[in-house]
Amino acid sequence: FSSAYYIRINATDKAGVLSHVTSVLGKNGISVA
C-alpha cells in the first residue's frame, strides 16, 4: 500500500537523535512532512 504514515518514537534526549531518525528514513526513500 501507498500512504503517508504517522510514526511515534521514544528517544533519548541527546543531540543528533532526530537527525539520525530522519537519515534512516531518507535512506529508505521516506521524507518527513
Full PDB file with SEQRES, HELIX, SHEET, SSBOND, CRYST1, ORIGX, SCALE, CONECT and MASTER records, all heavy atoms in Angstrom:
SEQRES   1 A   33  PHE SER SER ALA TYR TYR ILE ARG ILE ASN ALA THR ASP          
SEQRES   2 A   33  LYS ALA GLY VAL LEU SER HIS VAL THR SER VAL LEU GLY          
SEQRES   3 A   33  LYS ASN GLY ILE SER VAL ALA                                  
HELIX    1 AA1 VAL A   17  LYS A   27  1                                  11    
CRYST1    1.000    1.000    1.000  90.00  90.00  90.00 P 1           1          
ORIGX1      1.000000  0.000000  0.000000        0.00000                         
ORIGX2      0.000000  1.000000  0.000000        0.00000                         
ORIGX3      0.000000  0.000000  1.000000        0.00000                         
SCALE1      1.000000  0.000000  0.000000        0.00000                         
SCALE2      0.000000  1.000000  0.000000        0.00000                         
SCALE3      0.000000  0.000000  1.000000        0.00000                         
ATOM      1  N   PHE A   1       0.817  -1.205   0.000  1.00  0.00           N  
ATOM      2  CA  PHE A   1       0.000   0.000   0.000  1.00  0.00           C  
ATOM      3  C   PHE A   1       0.853   1.259   0.000  1.00  0.00           C  
ATOM      4  O   PHE A   1       1.953   1.287   0.537  1.00  0.00           O  
ATOM      5  CB  PHE A   1      -0.912   0.030   1.236  1.00  0.00           C  
ATOM      6  CG  PHE A   1      -1.692  -1.231   1.451  1.00  0.00           C  
ATOM      7  CD1 PHE A   1      -1.695  -1.857   2.683  1.00  0.00           C  
ATOM      8  CD2 PHE A   1      -2.422  -1.791   0.423  1.00  0.00           C  
ATOM      9  CE1 PHE A   1      -2.402  -3.022   2.883  1.00  0.00           C  
ATOM     10  CE2 PHE A   1      -3.138  -2.954   0.611  1.00  0.00           C  
ATOM     11  CZ  PHE A   1      -3.129  -3.579   1.848  1.00  0.00           C  
ATOM     12  N   SER A   2       0.290   2.282  -0.573  1.00  0.00           N  
ATOM     13  CA  SER A   2       0.947   3.591  -0.605  1.00  0.00           C  
ATOM     14  C   SER A   2       0.145   4.569   0.229  1.00  0.00           C  
ATOM     15  O   SER A   2      -1.064   4.707   0.050  1.00  0.00           O  
ATOM     16  CB  SER A   2       1.052   4.088  -2.050  1.00  0.00           C  
ATOM     17  OG  SER A   2       1.611   5.369  -2.101  1.00  0.00           O  
ATOM     18  N   SER A   3       0.807   5.243   1.178  1.00  0.00           N  
ATOM     19  CA  SER A   3       0.138   6.238   2.007  1.00  0.00           C  
ATOM     20  C   SER A   3       1.188   7.039   2.756  1.00  0.00           C  
ATOM     21  O   SER A   3       2.382   6.719   2.721  1.00  0.00           O  
ATOM     22  CB  SER A   3      -0.849   5.563   2.979  1.00  0.00           C  
ATOM     23  OG  SER A   3      -0.351   5.396   4.243  1.00  0.00           O  
ATOM     24  N   ALA A   4       0.742   8.101   3.429  1.00  0.00           N  
ATOM     25  CA  ALA A   4       1.598   8.778   4.394  1.00  0.00           C  
ATOM     26  C   ALA A   4       1.500   7.995   5.708  1.00  0.00           C  
ATOM     27  O   ALA A   4       0.567   7.210   5.908  1.00  0.00           O  
ATOM     28  CB  ALA A   4       1.137  10.218   4.585  1.00  0.00           C  
ATOM     29  N   TYR A   5       2.452   8.198   6.610  1.00  0.00           N  
ATOM     30  CA  TYR A   5       2.481   7.442   7.862  1.00  0.00           C  
ATOM     31  C   TYR A   5       2.725   8.359   9.052  1.00  0.00           C  
ATOM     32  O   TYR A   5       3.484   9.336   8.959  1.00  0.00           O  
ATOM     33  CB  TYR A   5       3.567   6.358   7.820  1.00  0.00           C  
ATOM     34  CG  TYR A   5       3.235   5.240   6.884  1.00  0.00           C  
ATOM     35  CD1 TYR A   5       3.436   5.374   5.507  1.00  0.00           C  
ATOM     36  CD2 TYR A   5       2.687   4.052   7.331  1.00  0.00           C  
ATOM     37  CE1 TYR A   5       3.098   4.366   4.618  1.00  0.00           C  
ATOM     38  CE2 TYR A   5       2.349   3.031   6.459  1.00  0.00           C  
ATOM     39  CZ  TYR A   5       2.556   3.196   5.110  1.00  0.00           C  
ATOM     40  OH  TYR A   5       2.215   2.188   4.239  1.00  0.00           O  
ATOM     41  N   TYR A   6       2.073   8.027  10.157  1.00  0.00           N  
ATOM     42  CA  TYR A   6       2.302   8.660  11.451  1.00  0.00           C  
ATOM     43  C   TYR A   6       3.234   7.733  12.219  1.00  0.00           C  
ATOM     44  O   TYR A   6       2.962   6.526  12.354  1.00  0.00           O  
ATOM     45  CB  TYR A   6       0.967   8.811  12.176  1.00  0.00           C  
ATOM     46  CG  TYR A   6       1.043   9.011  13.672  1.00  0.00           C  
ATOM     47  CD1 TYR A   6       0.924  10.285  14.240  1.00  0.00           C  
ATOM     48  CD2 TYR A   6       1.173   7.924  14.547  1.00  0.00           C  
ATOM     49  CE1 TYR A   6       0.956  10.470  15.616  1.00  0.00           C  
ATOM     50  CE2 TYR A   6       1.212   8.094  15.912  1.00  0.00           C  
ATOM     51  CZ  TYR A   6       1.104   9.367  16.454  1.00  0.00           C  
ATOM     52  OH  TYR A   6       1.139   9.537  17.819  1.00  0.00           O  
ATOM     53  N   ILE A   7       4.338   8.258  12.716  1.00  0.00           N  
ATOM     54  CA  ILE A   7       5.309   7.450  13.457  1.00  0.00           C  
ATOM     55  C   ILE A   7       5.622   8.143  14.781  1.00  0.00           C  
ATOM     56  O   ILE A   7       6.035   9.301  14.793  1.00  0.00           O  
ATOM     57  CB  ILE A   7       6.617   7.256  12.657  1.00  0.00           C  
ATOM     58  CG1 ILE A   7       6.318   6.623  11.289  1.00  0.00           C  
ATOM     59  CG2 ILE A   7       7.600   6.397  13.437  1.00  0.00           C  
ATOM     60  CD1 ILE A   7       7.515   6.575  10.356  1.00  0.00           C  
ATOM     61  N   ARG A   8       5.424   7.427  15.892  1.00  0.00           N  
ATOM     62  CA  ARG A   8       5.774   7.965  17.216  1.00  0.00           C  
ATOM     63  C   ARG A   8       6.995   7.228  17.742  1.00  0.00           C  
ATOM     64  O   ARG A   8       7.021   5.982  17.755  1.00  0.00           O  
ATOM     65  CB  ARG A   8       4.604   7.837  18.192  1.00  0.00           C  
ATOM     66  CG  ARG A   8       4.945   8.329  19.607  1.00  0.00           C  
ATOM     67  CD  ARG A   8       3.691   8.615  20.419  1.00  0.00           C  
ATOM     68  NE  ARG A   8       2.844   7.457  20.599  1.00  0.00           N  
ATOM     69  CZ  ARG A   8       2.905   6.627  21.668  1.00  0.00           C  
ATOM     70  NH1 ARG A   8       3.803   6.825  22.622  1.00  0.00           N  
ATOM     71  NH2 ARG A   8       2.056   5.622  21.756  1.00  0.00           N  
ATOM     72  N   ILE A   9       7.981   8.008  18.160  1.00  0.00           N  
ATOM     73  CA  ILE A   9       9.271   7.466  18.574  1.00  0.00           C  
ATOM     74  C   ILE A   9       9.592   7.918  19.993  1.00  0.00           C  
ATOM     75  O   ILE A   9       9.398   9.083  20.345  1.00  0.00           O  
ATOM     76  CB  ILE A   9      10.386   7.932  17.615  1.00  0.00           C  
ATOM     77  CG1 ILE A   9      10.107   7.404  16.192  1.00  0.00           C  
ATOM     78  CG2 ILE A   9      11.759   7.490  18.097  1.00  0.00           C  
ATOM     79  CD1 ILE A   9      10.972   8.025  15.129  1.00  0.00           C  
ATOM     80  N   ASN A  10      10.075   6.989  20.803  1.00  0.00           N  
ATOM     81  CA  ASN A  10      10.584   7.303  22.130  1.00  0.00           C  
ATOM     82  C   ASN A  10      12.114   7.356  22.024  1.00  0.00           C  
ATOM     83  O   ASN A  10      12.743   6.374  21.654  1.00  0.00           O  
ATOM     84  CB  ASN A  10      10.150   6.237  23.132  1.00  0.00           C  
ATOM     85  CG  ASN A  10      10.491   6.609  24.558  1.00  0.00           C  
ATOM     86  OD1 ASN A  10      10.518   7.787  24.911  1.00  0.00           O  
ATOM     87  ND2 ASN A  10      10.770   5.608  25.383  1.00  0.00           N  
ATOM     88  N   ALA A  11      12.694   8.536  22.321  1.00  0.00           N  
ATOM     89  CA  ALA A  11      14.124   8.719  22.075  1.00  0.00           C  
ATOM     90  C   ALA A  11      14.837   9.288  23.300  1.00  0.00           C  
ATOM     91  O   ALA A  11      14.248   9.992  24.125  1.00  0.00           O  
ATOM     92  CB  ALA A  11      14.334   9.653  20.883  1.00  0.00           C  
ATOM     93  N   THR A  12      16.117   8.963  23.399  1.00  0.00           N  
ATOM     94  CA  THR A  12      16.968   9.557  24.430  1.00  0.00           C  
ATOM     95  C   THR A  12      17.210  11.022  24.081  1.00  0.00           C  
ATOM     96  O   THR A  12      17.420  11.368  22.919  1.00  0.00           O  
ATOM     97  CB  THR A  12      18.311   8.815  24.505  1.00  0.00           C  
ATOM     98  OG1 THR A  12      18.059   7.427  24.755  1.00  0.00           O  
ATOM     99  CG2 THR A  12      19.180   9.385  25.617  1.00  0.00           C  
ATOM    100  N   ASP A  13      17.175  11.873  25.090  1.00  0.00           N  
ATOM    101  CA  ASP A  13      17.362  13.314  24.859  1.00  0.00           C  
ATOM    102  C   ASP A  13      18.848  13.627  24.705  1.00  0.00           C  
ATOM    103  O   ASP A  13      19.545  13.965  25.671  1.00  0.00           O  
ATOM    104  CB  ASP A  13      16.772  14.110  26.026  1.00  0.00           C  
ATOM    105  CG  ASP A  13      16.910  15.614  25.804  1.00  0.00           C  
ATOM    106  OD1 ASP A  13      16.769  16.051  24.654  1.00  0.00           O  
ATOM    107  OD2 ASP A  13      17.171  16.332  26.790  1.00  0.00           O  
ATOM    108  N   LYS A  14      19.304  13.478  23.488  1.00  0.00           N  
ATOM    109  CA  LYS A  14      20.688  13.844  23.205  1.00  0.00           C  
ATOM    110  C   LYS A  14      20.782  14.331  21.767  1.00  0.00           C  
ATOM    111  O   LYS A  14      19.936  14.025  20.924  1.00  0.00           O  
ATOM    112  CB  LYS A  14      21.637  12.679  23.452  1.00  0.00           C  
ATOM    113  CG  LYS A  14      21.426  11.468  22.560  1.00  0.00           C  
ATOM    114  CD  LYS A  14      22.426  10.369  22.890  1.00  0.00           C  
ATOM    115  CE  LYS A  14      22.297   9.182  21.946  1.00  0.00           C  
ATOM    116  NZ  LYS A  14      23.258   8.102  22.276  1.00  0.00           N  
ATOM    117  N   ALA A  15      21.812  15.089  21.492  1.00  0.00           N  
ATOM    118  CA  ALA A  15      21.985  15.682  20.167  1.00  0.00           C  
ATOM    119  C   ALA A  15      22.118  14.610  19.094  1.00  0.00           C  
ATOM    120  O   ALA A  15      22.761  13.573  19.314  1.00  0.00           O  
ATOM    121  CB  ALA A  15      23.211  16.599  20.155  1.00  0.00           C  
ATOM    122  N   GLY A  16      21.503  14.865  17.949  1.00  0.00           N  
ATOM    123  CA  GLY A  16      21.682  14.002  16.783  1.00  0.00           C  
ATOM    124  C   GLY A  16      20.669  12.892  16.629  1.00  0.00           C  
ATOM    125  O   GLY A  16      20.665  12.210  15.597  1.00  0.00           O  
ATOM    126  N   VAL A  17      19.803  12.691  17.642  1.00  0.00           N  
ATOM    127  CA  VAL A  17      18.858  11.580  17.543  1.00  0.00           C  
ATOM    128  C   VAL A  17      17.846  11.823  16.419  1.00  0.00           C  
ATOM    129  O   VAL A  17      17.600  10.950  15.585  1.00  0.00           O  
ATOM    130  CB  VAL A  17      18.121  11.356  18.879  1.00  0.00           C  
ATOM    131  CG1 VAL A  17      17.021  10.299  18.712  1.00  0.00           C  
ATOM    132  CG2 VAL A  17      19.089  10.920  19.949  1.00  0.00           C  
ATOM    133  N   LEU A  18      17.255  13.032  16.383  1.00  0.00           N  
ATOM    134  CA  LEU A  18      16.270  13.330  15.352  1.00  0.00           C  
ATOM    135  C   LEU A  18      16.892  13.270  13.963  1.00  0.00           C  
ATOM    136  O   LEU A  18      16.300  12.725  13.027  1.00  0.00           O  
ATOM    137  CB  LEU A  18      15.650  14.701  15.587  1.00  0.00           C  
ATOM    138  CG  LEU A  18      14.589  15.155  14.566  1.00  0.00           C  
ATOM    139  CD1 LEU A  18      13.458  14.145  14.460  1.00  0.00           C  
ATOM    140  CD2 LEU A  18      14.045  16.534  14.930  1.00  0.00           C  
ATOM    141  N   SER A  19      18.107  13.812  13.842  1.00  0.00           N  
ATOM    142  CA  SER A  19      18.765  13.785  12.530  1.00  0.00           C  
ATOM    143  C   SER A  19      19.083  12.357  12.107  1.00  0.00           C  
ATOM    144  O   SER A  19      19.026  12.015  10.921  1.00  0.00           O  
ATOM    145  CB  SER A  19      20.041  14.639  12.550  1.00  0.00           C  
ATOM    146  OG  SER A  19      20.968  14.114  13.471  1.00  0.00           O  
ATOM    147  N   HIS A  20      19.403  11.509  13.103  1.00  0.00           N  
ATOM    148  CA  HIS A  20      19.662  10.106  12.781  1.00  0.00           C  
ATOM    149  C   HIS A  20      18.398   9.422  12.270  1.00  0.00           C  
ATOM    150  O   HIS A  20      18.445   8.671  11.285  1.00  0.00           O  
ATOM    151  CB  HIS A  20      20.185   9.365  14.021  1.00  0.00           C  
ATOM    152  CG  HIS A  20      20.312   7.878  13.825  1.00  0.00           C  
ATOM    153  ND1 HIS A  20      21.240   7.313  12.986  1.00  0.00           N  
ATOM    154  CD2 HIS A  20      19.581   6.849  14.324  1.00  0.00           C  
ATOM    155  CE1 HIS A  20      21.102   5.994  12.988  1.00  0.00           C  
ATOM    156  NE2 HIS A  20      20.098   5.689  13.803  1.00  0.00           N  
ATOM    157  N   VAL A  21      17.271   9.695  12.943  1.00  0.00           N  
ATOM    158  CA  VAL A  21      16.000   9.093  12.530  1.00  0.00           C  
ATOM    159  C   VAL A  21      15.635   9.524  11.110  1.00  0.00           C  
ATOM    160  O   VAL A  21      15.280   8.698  10.266  1.00  0.00           O  
ATOM    161  CB  VAL A  21      14.878   9.485  13.508  1.00  0.00           C  
ATOM    162  CG1 VAL A  21      13.508   9.103  12.940  1.00  0.00           C  
ATOM    163  CG2 VAL A  21      15.089   8.804  14.856  1.00  0.00           C  
ATOM    164  N   THR A  22      15.729  10.820  10.838  1.00  0.00           N  
ATOM    165  CA  THR A  22      15.389  11.314   9.503  1.00  0.00           C  
ATOM    166  C   THR A  22      16.362  10.790   8.452  1.00  0.00           C  
ATOM    167  O   THR A  22      15.991  10.586   7.299  1.00  0.00           O  
ATOM    168  CB  THR A  22      15.350  12.847   9.472  1.00  0.00           C  
ATOM    169  OG1 THR A  22      16.600  13.369   9.940  1.00  0.00           O  
ATOM    170  CG2 THR A  22      14.229  13.379  10.354  1.00  0.00           C  
ATOM    171  N   SER A  23      17.612  10.547   8.878  1.00  0.00           N  
ATOM    172  CA  SER A  23      18.598   9.981   7.949  1.00  0.00           C  
ATOM    173  C   SER A  23      18.227   8.556   7.554  1.00  0.00           C  
ATOM    174  O   SER A  23      18.298   8.182   6.378  1.00  0.00           O  
ATOM    175  CB  SER A  23      19.988  10.002   8.590  1.00  0.00           C  
ATOM    176  OG  SER A  23      20.921   9.345   7.762  1.00  0.00           O  
ATOM    177  N   VAL A  24      17.803   7.764   8.553  1.00  0.00           N  
ATOM    178  CA  VAL A  24      17.385   6.384   8.273  1.00  0.00           C  
ATOM    179  C   VAL A  24      16.164   6.385   7.357  1.00  0.00           C  
ATOM    180  O   VAL A  24      16.086   5.601   6.401  1.00  0.00           O  
ATOM    181  CB  VAL A  24      17.064   5.635   9.585  1.00  0.00           C  
ATOM    182  CG1 VAL A  24      16.414   4.278   9.282  1.00  0.00           C  
ATOM    183  CG2 VAL A  24      18.314   5.441  10.412  1.00  0.00           C  
ATOM    184  N   LEU A  25      15.205   7.278   7.643  1.00  0.00           N  
ATOM    185  CA  LEU A  25      14.035   7.377   6.782  1.00  0.00           C  
ATOM    186  C   LEU A  25      14.442   7.764   5.361  1.00  0.00           C  
ATOM    187  O   LEU A  25      13.950   7.188   4.381  1.00  0.00           O  
ATOM    188  CB  LEU A  25      13.059   8.411   7.345  1.00  0.00           C  
ATOM    189  CG  LEU A  25      12.372   8.071   8.678  1.00  0.00           C  
ATOM    190  CD1 LEU A  25      11.577   9.269   9.185  1.00  0.00           C  
ATOM    191  CD2 LEU A  25      11.457   6.865   8.537  1.00  0.00           C  
ATOM    192  N   GLY A  26      15.358   8.730   5.254  1.00  0.00           N  
ATOM    193  CA  GLY A  26      15.812   9.180   3.942  1.00  0.00           C  
ATOM    194  C   GLY A  26      16.466   8.075   3.140  1.00  0.00           C  
ATOM    195  O   GLY A  26      16.271   7.974   1.918  1.00  0.00           O  
ATOM    196  N   LYS A  27      17.264   7.223   3.824  1.00  0.00           N  
ATOM    197  CA  LYS A  27      17.927   6.117   3.135  1.00  0.00           C  
ATOM    198  C   LYS A  27      16.919   5.123   2.570  1.00  0.00           C  
ATOM    199  O   LYS A  27      17.226   4.366   1.643  1.00  0.00           O  
ATOM    200  CB  LYS A  27      18.878   5.406   4.091  1.00  0.00           C  
ATOM    201  CG  LYS A  27      20.129   6.222   4.419  1.00  0.00           C  
ATOM    202  CD  LYS A  27      21.007   5.498   5.417  1.00  0.00           C  
ATOM    203  CE  LYS A  27      22.237   6.339   5.766  1.00  0.00           C  
ATOM    204  NZ  LYS A  27      23.088   5.682   6.793  1.00  0.00           N  
ATOM    205  N   ASN A  28      15.727   5.130   3.153  1.00  0.00           N  
ATOM    206  CA  ASN A  28      14.663   4.242   2.669  1.00  0.00           C  
ATOM    207  C   ASN A  28      13.670   4.965   1.764  1.00  0.00           C  
ATOM    208  O   ASN A  28      12.581   4.464   1.493  1.00  0.00           O  
ATOM    209  CB  ASN A  28      13.929   3.616   3.863  1.00  0.00           C  
ATOM    210  CG  ASN A  28      14.728   2.532   4.553  1.00  0.00           C  
ATOM    211  OD1 ASN A  28      14.760   1.388   4.107  1.00  0.00           O  
ATOM    212  ND2 ASN A  28      15.401   2.904   5.639  1.00  0.00           N  
ATOM    213  N   GLY A  29      14.067   6.159   1.320  1.00  0.00           N  
ATOM    214  CA  GLY A  29      13.255   6.912   0.370  1.00  0.00           C  
ATOM    215  C   GLY A  29      12.053   7.582   0.985  1.00  0.00           C  
ATOM    216  O   GLY A  29      11.068   7.866   0.286  1.00  0.00           O  
ATOM    217  N   ILE A  30      12.114   7.863   2.299  1.00  0.00           N  
ATOM    218  CA  ILE A  30      10.968   8.444   3.004  1.00  0.00           C  
ATOM    219  C   ILE A  30      11.315   9.853   3.470  1.00  0.00           C  
ATOM    220  O   ILE A  30      12.331  10.062   4.135  1.00  0.00           O  
ATOM    221  CB  ILE A  30      10.586   7.587   4.232  1.00  0.00           C  
ATOM    222  CG1 ILE A  30      10.265   6.157   3.805  1.00  0.00           C  
ATOM    223  CG2 ILE A  30       9.401   8.208   4.975  1.00  0.00           C  
ATOM    224  CD1 ILE A  30      10.160   5.180   4.953  1.00  0.00           C  
ATOM    225  N   SER A  31      10.471  10.836   3.128  1.00  0.00           N  
ATOM    226  CA  SER A  31      10.686  12.204   3.572  1.00  0.00           C  
ATOM    227  C   SER A  31       9.626  12.585   4.595  1.00  0.00           C  
ATOM    228  O   SER A  31       8.532  12.026   4.624  1.00  0.00           O  
ATOM    229  CB  SER A  31      10.648  13.176   2.388  1.00  0.00           C  
ATOM    230  OG  SER A  31       9.404  13.098   1.721  1.00  0.00           O  
ATOM    231  N   VAL A  32       9.967  13.560   5.454  1.00  0.00           N  
ATOM    232  CA  VAL A  32       9.099  13.956   6.558  1.00  0.00           C  
ATOM    233  C   VAL A  32       8.323  15.217   6.199  1.00  0.00           C  
ATOM    234  O   VAL A  32       8.895  16.209   5.737  1.00  0.00           O  
ATOM    235  CB  VAL A  32       9.925  14.194   7.838  1.00  0.00           C  
ATOM    236  CG1 VAL A  32       9.038  14.709   8.967  1.00  0.00           C  
ATOM    237  CG2 VAL A  32      10.631  12.898   8.255  1.00  0.00           C  
ATOM    238  N   ALA A  33       6.998  15.193   6.447  1.00  0.00           N  
ATOM    239  CA  ALA A  33       6.137  16.339   6.157  1.00  0.00           C  
ATOM    240  C   ALA A  33       5.889  17.187   7.396  1.00  0.00           C  
ATOM    241  O   ALA A  33       5.825  18.408   7.326  1.00  0.00           O  
ATOM    242  CB  ALA A  33       4.809  15.860   5.576  1.00  0.00           C  
TER     243      ALA A  33                                                      
MASTER        0    0    0    1    0    0    0    6  242    1    0    3          
END                                                                             
